[in-house]
C-alpha cells in the first residue's frame, strides 16, 4: 500500500495518508495534499483509492456527520 505519492482522479498533485478508520465495515483513508498540507482540504478514500469525500476540513468527523 502506498503511503505517499498517491494520485487521485480529478484532483491535482499527490497525496499522502495521515489517518485510517474502519467506517461501516470498510477501511477508509484520510489524505492530505503533499504540497499544500493542512492549508488545503483533505480527501477521504476507500482502500482502492476511490474518492468517498472531498473538501474535508475536520477529518473523519466530516464523514461521521453524513450519517447524522
PDB file of N, CA and C in Angstrom:
ATOM      1  N   UNK A   1       0.848  -1.189   0.000  1.00  0.00           N
ATOM      2  CA  UNK A   1       0.000   0.000   0.000  1.00  0.00           C
ATOM      3  C   UNK A   1       0.884   1.240   0.000  1.00  0.00           C
ATOM      4  N   UNK A   2       0.631   2.122  -0.934  1.00  0.00           N
ATOM      5  CA  UNK A   2       1.336   3.406  -0.963  1.00  0.00           C
ATOM      6  C   UNK A   2       0.952   4.233   0.249  1.00  0.00           C
ATOM      7  N   UNK A   3       1.890   4.876   0.858  1.00  0.00           N
ATOM      8  CA  UNK A   3       1.595   5.760   1.987  1.00  0.00           C
ATOM      9  C   UNK A   3       1.720   7.224   1.568  1.00  0.00           C
ATOM     10  N   UNK A   4       2.417   7.473   0.438  1.00  0.00           N
ATOM     11  CA  UNK A   4       2.553   8.836  -0.072  1.00  0.00           C
ATOM     12  C   UNK A   4       2.677   8.767  -1.594  1.00  0.00           C
ATOM     13  N   UNK A   5       2.656   9.915  -2.231  1.00  0.00           N
ATOM     14  CA  UNK A   5       2.734   9.948  -3.687  1.00  0.00           C
ATOM     15  C   UNK A   5       1.485   9.406  -4.356  1.00  0.00           C
ATOM     16  N   UNK A   6       0.372   9.465  -3.660  1.00  0.00           N
ATOM     17  CA  UNK A   6      -0.894   8.910  -4.153  1.00  0.00           C
ATOM     18  C   UNK A   6      -1.561   9.921  -5.089  1.00  0.00           C
ATOM     19  N   UNK A   7      -1.981   9.439  -6.244  1.00  0.00           N
ATOM     20  CA  UNK A   7      -2.715  10.280  -7.191  1.00  0.00           C
ATOM     21  C   UNK A   7      -4.187   9.878  -7.159  1.00  0.00           C
ATOM     22  N   UNK A   8      -5.046  10.891  -7.107  1.00  0.00           N
ATOM     23  CA  UNK A   8      -6.496  10.676  -7.071  1.00  0.00           C
ATOM     24  C   UNK A   8      -7.097  11.347  -8.299  1.00  0.00           C
ATOM     25  N   UNK A   9      -7.906  10.599  -9.038  1.00  0.00           N
ATOM     26  CA  UNK A   9      -8.537  11.142 -10.249  1.00  0.00           C
ATOM     27  C   UNK A   9      -9.285  12.421  -9.925  1.00  0.00           C
ATOM     28  N   UNK A  10      -9.197  13.372 -10.827  1.00  0.00           N
ATOM     29  CA  UNK A  10      -9.872  14.673 -10.759  1.00  0.00           C
ATOM     30  C   UNK A  10      -9.344  15.571  -9.643  1.00  0.00           C
ATOM     31  N   UNK A  11      -8.161  15.238  -9.105  1.00  0.00           N
ATOM     32  CA  UNK A  11      -7.529  16.086  -8.096  1.00  0.00           C
ATOM     33  C   UNK A  11      -6.063  16.278  -8.464  1.00  0.00           C
ATOM     34  N   UNK A  12      -5.608  17.512  -8.363  1.00  0.00           N
ATOM     35  CA  UNK A  12      -4.265  17.890  -8.777  1.00  0.00           C
ATOM     36  C   UNK A  12      -3.245  17.489  -7.718  1.00  0.00           C
ATOM     37  N   UNK A  13      -2.082  17.093  -8.165  1.00  0.00           N
ATOM     38  CA  UNK A  13      -0.969  16.808  -7.260  1.00  0.00           C
ATOM     39  C   UNK A  13      -1.030  15.413  -6.670  1.00  0.00           C
ATOM     40  N   UNK A  14      -0.213  15.234  -5.634  1.00  0.00           N
ATOM     41  CA  UNK A  14      -0.142  13.940  -4.962  1.00  0.00           C
ATOM     42  C   UNK A  14      -0.506  14.104  -3.492  1.00  0.00           C
ATOM     43  N   UNK A  15      -0.912  12.996  -2.898  1.00  0.00           N
ATOM     44  CA  UNK A  15      -1.469  12.984  -1.554  1.00  0.00           C
ATOM     45  C   UNK A  15      -0.764  11.930  -0.718  1.00  0.00           C
ATOM     46  N   UNK A  16      -0.892  12.034   0.595  1.00  0.00           N
ATOM     47  CA  UNK A  16      -0.366  11.003   1.483  1.00  0.00           C
ATOM     48  C   UNK A  16      -1.377  10.720   2.590  1.00  0.00           C
ATOM     49  N   UNK A  17      -1.296   9.518   3.144  1.00  0.00           N
ATOM     50  CA  UNK A  17      -2.223   9.077   4.177  1.00  0.00           C
ATOM     51  C   UNK A  17      -1.803   9.652   5.523  1.00  0.00           C
ATOM     52  N   UNK A  18      -2.771  10.295   6.208  1.00  0.00           N
ATOM     53  CA  UNK A  18      -2.484  10.805   7.545  1.00  0.00           C
ATOM     54  C   UNK A  18      -3.277  10.067   8.626  1.00  0.00           C
ATOM     55  N   UNK A  19      -4.309   9.315   8.212  1.00  0.00           N
ATOM     56  CA  UNK A  19      -5.093   8.567   9.186  1.00  0.00           C
ATOM     57  C   UNK A  19      -5.899   7.502   8.459  1.00  0.00           C
ATOM     58  N   UNK A  20      -6.356   6.505   9.204  1.00  0.00           N
ATOM     59  CA  UNK A  20      -7.226   5.487   8.627  1.00  0.00           C
ATOM     60  C   UNK A  20      -8.281   5.114   9.651  1.00  0.00           C
ATOM     61  N   UNK A  21      -9.421   4.631   9.146  1.00  0.00           N
ATOM     62  CA  UNK A  21     -10.545   4.316  10.024  1.00  0.00           C
ATOM     63  C   UNK A  21     -11.401   3.252   9.371  1.00  0.00           C
ATOM     64  N   UNK A  22     -11.943   2.368  10.194  1.00  0.00           N
ATOM     65  CA  UNK A  22     -12.925   1.409   9.725  1.00  0.00           C
ATOM     66  C   UNK A  22     -14.288   2.086   9.863  1.00  0.00           C
ATOM     67  N   UNK A  23     -14.964   2.314   8.747  1.00  0.00           N
ATOM     68  CA  UNK A  23     -16.254   3.002   8.738  1.00  0.00           C
ATOM     69  C   UNK A  23     -17.281   2.086   8.084  1.00  0.00           C
ATOM     70  N   UNK A  24     -18.250   1.657   8.864  1.00  0.00           N
ATOM     71  CA  UNK A  24     -19.303   0.763   8.375  1.00  0.00           C
ATOM     72  C   UNK A  24     -18.718  -0.492   7.734  1.00  0.00           C
ATOM     73  N   UNK A  25     -17.672  -1.027   8.349  1.00  0.00           N
ATOM     74  CA  UNK A  25     -17.061  -2.257   7.874  1.00  0.00           C
ATOM     75  C   UNK A  25     -16.092  -2.094   6.717  1.00  0.00           C
ATOM     76  N   UNK A  26     -15.805  -0.860   6.320  1.00  0.00           N
ATOM     77  CA  UNK A  26     -14.875  -0.606   5.212  1.00  0.00           C
ATOM     78  C   UNK A  26     -13.733   0.276   5.693  1.00  0.00           C
ATOM     79  N   UNK A  27     -12.524  -0.042   5.237  1.00  0.00           N
ATOM     80  CA  UNK A  27     -11.353   0.734   5.599  1.00  0.00           C
ATOM     81  C   UNK A  27     -11.308   2.016   4.772  1.00  0.00           C
ATOM     82  N   UNK A  28     -11.201   3.148   5.454  1.00  0.00           N
ATOM     83  CA  UNK A  28     -11.133   4.458   4.807  1.00  0.00           C
ATOM     84  C   UNK A  28      -9.820   5.125   5.184  1.00  0.00           C
ATOM     85  N   UNK A  29      -9.311   5.936   4.265  1.00  0.00           N
ATOM     86  CA  UNK A  29      -8.071   6.679   4.497  1.00  0.00           C
ATOM     87  C   UNK A  29      -8.329   8.171   4.375  1.00  0.00           C
ATOM     88  N   UNK A  30      -7.709   8.933   5.252  1.00  0.00           N
ATOM     89  CA  UNK A  30      -7.734  10.389   5.199  1.00  0.00           C
ATOM     90  C   UNK A  30      -6.438  10.825   4.539  1.00  0.00           C
ATOM     91  N   UNK A  31      -6.557  11.574   3.451  1.00  0.00           N
ATOM     92  CA  UNK A  31      -5.379  12.008   2.685  1.00  0.00           C
ATOM     93  C   UNK A  31      -5.174  13.506   2.815  1.00  0.00           C
ATOM     94  N   UNK A  32      -3.895  13.888   2.891  1.00  0.00           N
ATOM     95  CA  UNK A  32      -3.510  15.293   2.910  1.00  0.00           C
ATOM     96  C   UNK A  32      -2.650  15.557   1.677  1.00  0.00           C
ATOM     97  N   UNK A  33      -2.780  16.739   1.101  1.00  0.00           N
ATOM     98  CA  UNK A  33      -2.034  17.108  -0.096  1.00  0.00           C
ATOM     99  C   UNK A  33      -0.557  17.258   0.244  1.00  0.00           C
ATOM    100  N   UNK A  34       0.314  16.668  -0.570  1.00  0.00           N
ATOM    101  CA  UNK A  34       1.753  16.698  -0.279  1.00  0.00           C
ATOM    102  C   UNK A  34       2.345  18.101  -0.377  1.00  0.00           C
ATOM    103  N   UNK A  35       1.852  18.932  -1.270  1.00  0.00           N
ATOM    104  CA  UNK A  35       2.427  20.269  -1.425  1.00  0.00           C
ATOM    105  C   UNK A  35       1.794  21.273  -0.462  1.00  0.00           C
ATOM    106  N   UNK A  36       0.482  21.234  -0.297  1.00  0.00           N
ATOM    107  CA  UNK A  36      -0.223  22.270   0.467  1.00  0.00           C
ATOM    108  C   UNK A  36      -0.529  21.884   1.914  1.00  0.00           C
ATOM    109  N   UNK A  37      -0.372  20.614   2.242  1.00  0.00           N
ATOM    110  CA  UNK A  37      -0.566  20.174   3.627  1.00  0.00           C
ATOM    111  C   UNK A  37      -1.913  20.574   4.205  1.00  0.00           C
ATOM    112  N   UNK A  38      -1.891  21.083   5.445  1.00  0.00           N
ATOM    113  CA  UNK A  38      -3.147  21.428   6.114  1.00  0.00           C
ATOM    114  C   UNK A  38      -3.736  22.757   5.655  1.00  0.00           C
ATOM    115  N   UNK A  39      -3.129  23.373   4.659  1.00  0.00           N
ATOM    116  CA  UNK A  39      -3.698  24.593   4.085  1.00  0.00           C
ATOM    117  C   UNK A  39      -4.734  24.282   3.016  1.00  0.00           C
ATOM    118  N   UNK A  40      -4.847  23.015   2.643  1.00  0.00           N
ATOM    119  CA  UNK A  40      -5.834  22.573   1.650  1.00  0.00           C
ATOM    120  C   UNK A  40      -6.748  21.551   2.313  1.00  0.00           C
ATOM    121  N   UNK A  41      -7.947  21.439   1.771  1.00  0.00           N
ATOM    122  CA  UNK A  41      -8.890  20.440   2.278  1.00  0.00           C
ATOM    123  C   UNK A  41      -8.337  19.038   2.025  1.00  0.00           C
ATOM    124  N   UNK A  42      -8.712  18.124   2.878  1.00  0.00           N
ATOM    125  CA  UNK A  42      -8.293  16.729   2.751  1.00  0.00           C
ATOM    126  C   UNK A  42      -9.299  15.955   1.899  1.00  0.00           C
ATOM    127  N   UNK A  43      -8.955  14.705   1.630  1.00  0.00           N
ATOM    128  CA  UNK A  43      -9.828  13.779   0.924  1.00  0.00           C
ATOM    129  C   UNK A  43      -9.989  12.526   1.772  1.00  0.00           C
ATOM    130  N   UNK A  44     -11.127  11.856   1.611  1.00  0.00           N
ATOM    131  CA  UNK A  44     -11.323  10.537   2.193  1.00  0.00           C
ATOM    132  C   UNK A  44     -11.538   9.569   1.046  1.00  0.00           C
ATOM    133  N   UNK A  45     -10.772   8.482   1.071  1.00  0.00           N
ATOM    134  CA  UNK A  45     -10.850   7.468   0.019  1.00  0.00           C
ATOM    135  C   UNK A  45     -10.994   6.087   0.658  1.00  0.00           C
ATOM    136  N   UNK A  46     -11.450   5.121  -0.162  1.00  0.00           N
ATOM    137  CA  UNK A  46     -11.513   3.744   0.327  1.00  0.00           C
ATOM    138  C   UNK A  46     -10.200   3.035   0.019  1.00  0.00           C
ATOM    139  N   UNK A  47     -10.125   1.738   0.317  1.00  0.00           N
ATOM    140  CA  UNK A  47      -8.850   1.027   0.162  1.00  0.00           C
ATOM    141  C   UNK A  47      -8.413   0.891  -1.288  1.00  0.00           C
ATOM    142  N   UNK A  48      -9.342   1.078  -2.247  1.00  0.00           N
ATOM    143  CA  UNK A  48      -8.976   1.064  -3.666  1.00  0.00           C
ATOM    144  C   UNK A  48      -8.673   2.467  -4.187  1.00  0.00           C
ATOM    145  N   UNK A  49      -8.588   3.426  -3.274  1.00  0.00           N
ATOM    146  CA  UNK A  49      -8.310   4.837  -3.587  1.00  0.00           C
ATOM    147  C   UNK A  49      -9.437   5.489  -4.390  1.00  0.00           C
ATOM    148  N   UNK A  50     -10.660   4.985  -4.230  1.00  0.00           N
ATOM    149  CA  UNK A  50     -11.845   5.629  -4.801  1.00  0.00           C
ATOM    150  C   UNK A  50     -12.253   6.762  -3.875  1.00  0.00           C
ATOM    151  N   UNK A  51     -12.540   7.909  -4.459  1.00  0.00           N
ATOM    152  CA  UNK A  51     -12.919   9.075  -3.670  1.00  0.00           C
ATOM    153  C   UNK A  51     -14.257   8.843  -2.983  1.00  0.00           C
ATOM    154  N   UNK A  52     -14.290   9.035  -1.682  1.00  0.00           N
ATOM    155  CA  UNK A  52     -15.512   8.925  -0.889  1.00  0.00           C
ATOM    156  C   UNK A  52     -16.022  10.315  -0.539  1.00  0.00           C
ATOM    157  N   UNK A  53     -15.095  11.222  -0.196  1.00  0.00           N
ATOM    158  CA  UNK A  53     -15.480  12.574   0.209  1.00  0.00           C
ATOM    159  C   UNK A  53     -14.336  13.531  -0.065  1.00  0.00           C
ATOM    160  N   UNK A  54     -14.674  14.732  -0.539  1.00  0.00           N
ATOM    161  CA  UNK A  54     -13.676  15.779  -0.757  1.00  0.00           C
ATOM    162  C   UNK A  54     -14.032  16.992   0.092  1.00  0.00           C
ATOM    163  N   UNK A  55     -13.194  17.998   0.078  1.00  0.00           N
ATOM    164  CA  UNK A  55     -13.394  19.208   0.883  1.00  0.00           C
ATOM    165  C   UNK A  55     -13.556  18.878   2.362  1.00  0.00           C
ATOM    166  N   UNK A  56     -12.699  18.015   2.865  1.00  0.00           N
ATOM    167  CA  UNK A  56     -12.735  17.574   4.255  1.00  0.00           C
ATOM    168  C   UNK A  56     -11.818  18.467   5.087  1.00  0.00           C
ATOM    169  N   UNK A  57     -12.390  19.151   6.073  1.00  0.00           N
ATOM    170  CA  UNK A  57     -11.613  20.044   6.935  1.00  0.00           C
ATOM    171  C   UNK A  57     -11.519  19.522   8.367  1.00  0.00           C
ATOM    172  N   UNK A  58     -12.400  18.589   8.746  1.00  0.00           N
ATOM    173  CA  UNK A  58     -12.451  18.110  10.125  1.00  0.00           C
ATOM    174  C   UNK A  58     -12.165  16.620  10.241  1.00  0.00           C
ATOM    175  N   UNK A  59     -11.359  16.091   9.351  1.00  0.00           N
ATOM    176  CA  UNK A  59     -11.005  14.680   9.392  1.00  0.00           C
ATOM    177  C   UNK A  59     -12.211  13.772   9.230  1.00  0.00           C
ATOM    178  N   UNK A  60     -12.167  12.639   9.892  1.00  0.00           N
ATOM    179  CA  UNK A  60     -13.248  11.672   9.773  1.00  0.00           C
ATOM    180  C   UNK A  60     -14.558  12.159  10.395  1.00  0.00           C
ATOM    181  N   UNK A  61     -14.497  13.223  11.191  1.00  0.00           N
ATOM    182  CA  UNK A  61     -15.732  13.806  11.730  1.00  0.00           C
ATOM    183  C   UNK A  61     -16.663  14.228  10.600  1.00  0.00           C
ATOM    184  N   UNK A  62     -16.110  14.735   9.506  1.00  0.00           N
ATOM    185  CA  UNK A  62     -16.936  15.142   8.367  1.00  0.00           C
ATOM    186  C   UNK A  62     -17.675  13.937   7.784  1.00  0.00           C
ATOM    187  N   UNK A  63     -17.027  12.800   7.723  1.00  0.00           N
ATOM    188  CA  UNK A  63     -17.665  11.579   7.225  1.00  0.00           C
ATOM    189  C   UNK A  63     -18.745  11.112   8.195  1.00  0.00           C
ATOM    190  N   UNK A  64     -18.451  11.162   9.490  1.00  0.00           N
ATOM    191  CA  UNK A  64     -19.430  10.763  10.507  1.00  0.00           C
ATOM    192  C   UNK A  64     -20.659  11.675  10.477  1.00  0.00           C
ATOM    193  N   UNK A  65     -20.456  12.966  10.169  1.00  0.00           N
ATOM    194  CA  UNK A  65     -21.576  13.910  10.114  1.00  0.00           C
ATOM    195  C   UNK A  65     -22.567  13.554   9.010  1.00  0.00           C
ATOM    196  N   UNK A  66     -22.107  12.886   7.952  1.00  0.00           N
ATOM    197  CA  UNK A  66     -23.018  12.462   6.869  1.00  0.00           C
ATOM    198  C   UNK A  66     -24.026  11.439   7.359  1.00  0.00           C
ATOM    199  N   UNK A  67     -23.657  10.675   8.393  1.00  0.00           N
ATOM    200  CA  UNK A  67     -24.519   9.628   8.918  1.00  0.00           C
ATOM    201  C   UNK A  67     -25.604  10.195   9.828  1.00  0.00           C
ATOM    202  N   UNK A  68     -25.449  11.421  10.266  1.00  0.00           N
ATOM    203  CA  UNK A  68     -26.423  12.014  11.198  1.00  0.00           C
ATOM    204  C   UNK A  68     -27.469  12.830  10.500  1.00  0.00           C
TER     205      UNK A  68
END
